[in-house]
Amino acid sequence: MKIFQQAIQLQEKRRGFHIITSDVIQAFPQLAEIKIGICQVFIQHTSASLTINENADPTVRQDFEMYFNKAVPEDDPDYKHDYEGSDDMPAHLKGALLGFSVTIPVRNGRLALGTWQGIYLCEHRNYGGPRKLILTAWGE
């Protein structure tokens, strides 16, 4: 079994949902050495998250942002953790709902995503800064 790990940093992105599949693939050429296995992408932050969804139509990403802003509103007077701004606690809640890692099969040296699937960086802060990811792949 082979195991590879790579740390990468993504440039700061505006608040919203961003496809980062190509960033992951470009930063992790070791995937080509795995014929059958697994790749985990993990984000080292609690106010941004990862998910997999539609990679073709940008309105899907706009609708994700709209939905999560409605589901987890800012400026809720019941939030106690608000000293980093009105987007801070909602960002943590959105991250907890979506999750901090995705796991993707590796097949013949490539991520085995579906035709219309992409990896999203879900940036929940207005100014989240650069985001760090740990990419880990294992298999034969």
Protein backbone atom coordinates (compact mmCIF):
# COMPACT_ATOMS: atom_id res chain seq x y z
CA MET A 1 0.00 0.00 0.00
CA LYS A 2 1.13 3.52 -0.80
CA ILE A 3 0.31 6.54 1.35
CA PHE A 4 0.84 10.14 0.25
CA GLN A 5 0.13 13.40 2.03
CA GLN A 6 0.40 16.98 0.86
CA ALA A 7 -0.36 20.26 2.62
CA ILE A 8 -1.55 23.12 0.41
CA GLN A 9 -2.74 26.65 0.96
CA LEU A 10 -5.48 28.19 -1.14
CA GLN A 11 -5.48 31.90 -1.80
CA GLU A 12 -8.14 33.91 -0.01
CA LYS A 13 -11.50 33.66 -1.73
CA ARG A 14 -14.57 35.81 -1.34
CA ARG A 15 -17.46 34.50 0.70
CA GLY A 16 -19.32 31.81 -1.22
CA PHE A 17 -18.91 28.37 -2.72
CA HIS A 18 -15.87 27.81 -4.96
CA ILE A 19 -14.86 24.79 -7.04
CA ILE A 20 -11.34 23.74 -6.05
CA THR A 21 -11.10 20.36 -7.78
CA SER A 22 -8.35 21.49 -10.15
CA ASP A 23 -6.39 23.04 -7.24
CA VAL A 24 -6.43 19.68 -5.46
CA ILE A 25 -5.46 17.69 -8.55
CA GLN A 26 -2.63 20.07 -9.50
CA ALA A 27 -1.20 20.06 -5.98
CA PHE A 28 -1.29 16.27 -5.63
CA PRO A 29 0.48 14.59 -8.59
CA GLN A 30 1.10 11.51 -6.41
CA LEU A 31 -2.50 10.46 -7.15
CA ALA A 32 -1.21 9.12 -10.47
CA GLU A 33 0.64 6.40 -8.56
CA ILE A 34 -2.55 4.95 -7.06
CA LYS A 35 -4.60 2.57 -9.21
CA ILE A 36 -7.25 1.90 -6.58
CA GLY A 37 -7.61 3.80 -3.33
CA ILE A 38 -9.01 6.74 -1.42
CA CYS A 39 -8.26 10.46 -1.24
CA GLN A 40 -9.30 12.57 1.71
CA VAL A 41 -9.32 16.36 1.49
CA PHE A 42 -9.40 18.03 4.93
CA ILE A 43 -9.64 21.75 5.72
CA GLN A 44 -7.82 23.00 8.82
CA HIS A 45 -10.36 25.68 9.69
CA THR A 46 -13.70 25.87 11.49
CA SER A 47 -15.25 28.80 9.62
CA ALA A 48 -14.96 27.27 6.15
CA SER A 49 -15.92 23.81 4.97
CA LEU A 50 -15.81 21.33 2.10
CA THR A 51 -18.45 19.49 0.14
CA ILE A 52 -18.96 17.84 -3.24
CA ASN A 53 -21.68 18.97 -5.61
CA GLU A 54 -22.57 20.28 -9.09
CA ASN A 55 -19.51 21.55 -10.97
CA ALA A 56 -21.08 22.95 -14.15
CA ASP A 57 -23.80 25.48 -13.40
CA PRO A 58 -22.64 28.39 -11.19
CA THR A 59 -26.22 29.08 -10.06
CA VAL A 60 -26.00 25.94 -7.91
CA ARG A 61 -23.22 27.57 -5.91
CA GLN A 62 -25.22 30.80 -5.67
CA ASP A 63 -28.22 28.84 -4.38
CA PHE A 64 -26.02 27.11 -1.78
CA GLU A 65 -24.92 30.52 -0.48
CA MET A 66 -28.52 31.79 -0.43
CA TYR A 67 -29.80 28.69 1.36
CA PHE A 68 -27.15 28.66 4.09
CA ASN A 69 -27.54 32.40 4.68
CA LYS A 70 -31.26 31.85 5.27
CA ALA A 71 -30.75 28.72 7.37
CA VAL A 72 -28.00 30.26 9.54
CA PRO A 73 -28.57 34.03 9.64
CA GLU A 74 -26.11 36.61 10.89
CA ASP A 75 -26.84 39.04 13.73
CA ASP A 76 -28.91 36.58 15.74
CA PRO A 77 -29.09 38.15 19.22
CA ASP A 78 -28.88 34.68 20.81
CA TYR A 79 -25.31 34.10 19.60
CA LYS A 80 -22.78 34.49 22.39
CA HIS A 81 -19.67 34.01 20.22
CA ASP A 82 -19.77 37.28 18.30
CA TYR A 83 -16.54 39.12 19.12
CA GLU A 84 -14.98 38.36 15.70
CA GLY A 85 -17.88 39.87 13.77
CA SER A 86 -21.44 39.09 12.78
CA ASP A 87 -20.32 36.43 10.27
CA ASP A 88 -18.18 34.47 12.78
CA MET A 89 -20.63 32.24 14.65
CA PRO A 90 -22.76 31.60 11.55
CA ALA A 91 -19.56 30.54 9.76
CA HIS A 92 -18.80 27.98 12.48
CA LEU A 93 -22.35 26.61 12.33
CA LYS A 94 -22.29 26.37 8.52
CA GLY A 95 -18.96 24.58 8.72
CA ALA A 96 -20.33 22.10 11.25
CA LEU A 97 -23.35 21.42 9.03
CA LEU A 98 -21.33 20.84 5.85
CA GLY A 99 -18.23 19.22 7.34
CA PHE A 100 -14.49 19.65 7.15
CA SER A 101 -13.47 16.82 4.87
CA VAL A 102 -14.51 14.92 1.78
CA THR A 103 -13.47 11.41 0.81
CA ILE A 104 -13.21 10.46 -2.85
CA PRO A 105 -12.34 7.12 -4.45
CA VAL A 106 -9.19 7.05 -6.56
CA ARG A 107 -9.38 4.95 -9.71
CA ASN A 108 -6.53 4.52 -12.19
CA GLY A 109 -4.62 7.48 -10.78
CA ARG A 110 -7.54 9.93 -10.87
CA LEU A 111 -10.24 11.15 -8.53
CA ALA A 112 -13.34 9.09 -9.32
CA LEU A 113 -15.77 11.99 -9.21
CA GLY A 114 -18.98 11.82 -11.20
CA THR A 115 -19.33 13.72 -14.47
CA TRP A 116 -20.95 16.75 -12.84
CA GLN A 117 -19.22 16.63 -9.46
CA GLY A 118 -16.65 19.04 -8.09
CA ILE A 119 -15.02 19.73 -4.73
CA TYR A 120 -16.27 22.96 -3.17
CA LEU A 121 -14.44 25.22 -0.78
CA CYS A 122 -17.29 26.73 1.20
CA GLU A 123 -16.05 30.09 2.45
CA HIS A 124 -18.38 31.29 5.19
CA ARG A 125 -16.49 34.42 6.30
CA ASN A 126 -16.45 37.80 4.61
CA TYR A 127 -12.67 37.88 5.07
CA GLY A 128 -11.58 34.33 5.83
CA GLY A 129 -8.03 34.64 4.57
CA PRO A 130 -5.99 31.88 2.93
CA ARG A 131 -7.21 28.36 3.71
CA LYS A 132 -5.02 25.36 4.49
CA LEU A 133 -5.88 21.87 3.25
CA ILE A 134 -4.32 18.50 4.00
CA LEU A 135 -4.59 16.03 1.12
CA THR A 136 -4.08 12.37 1.96
CA ALA A 137 -4.29 9.47 -0.48
CA TRP A 138 -3.73 5.78 0.09
CA GLY A 139 -4.10 2.67 -1.98
CA GLU A 140 -2.35 0.34 -4.37
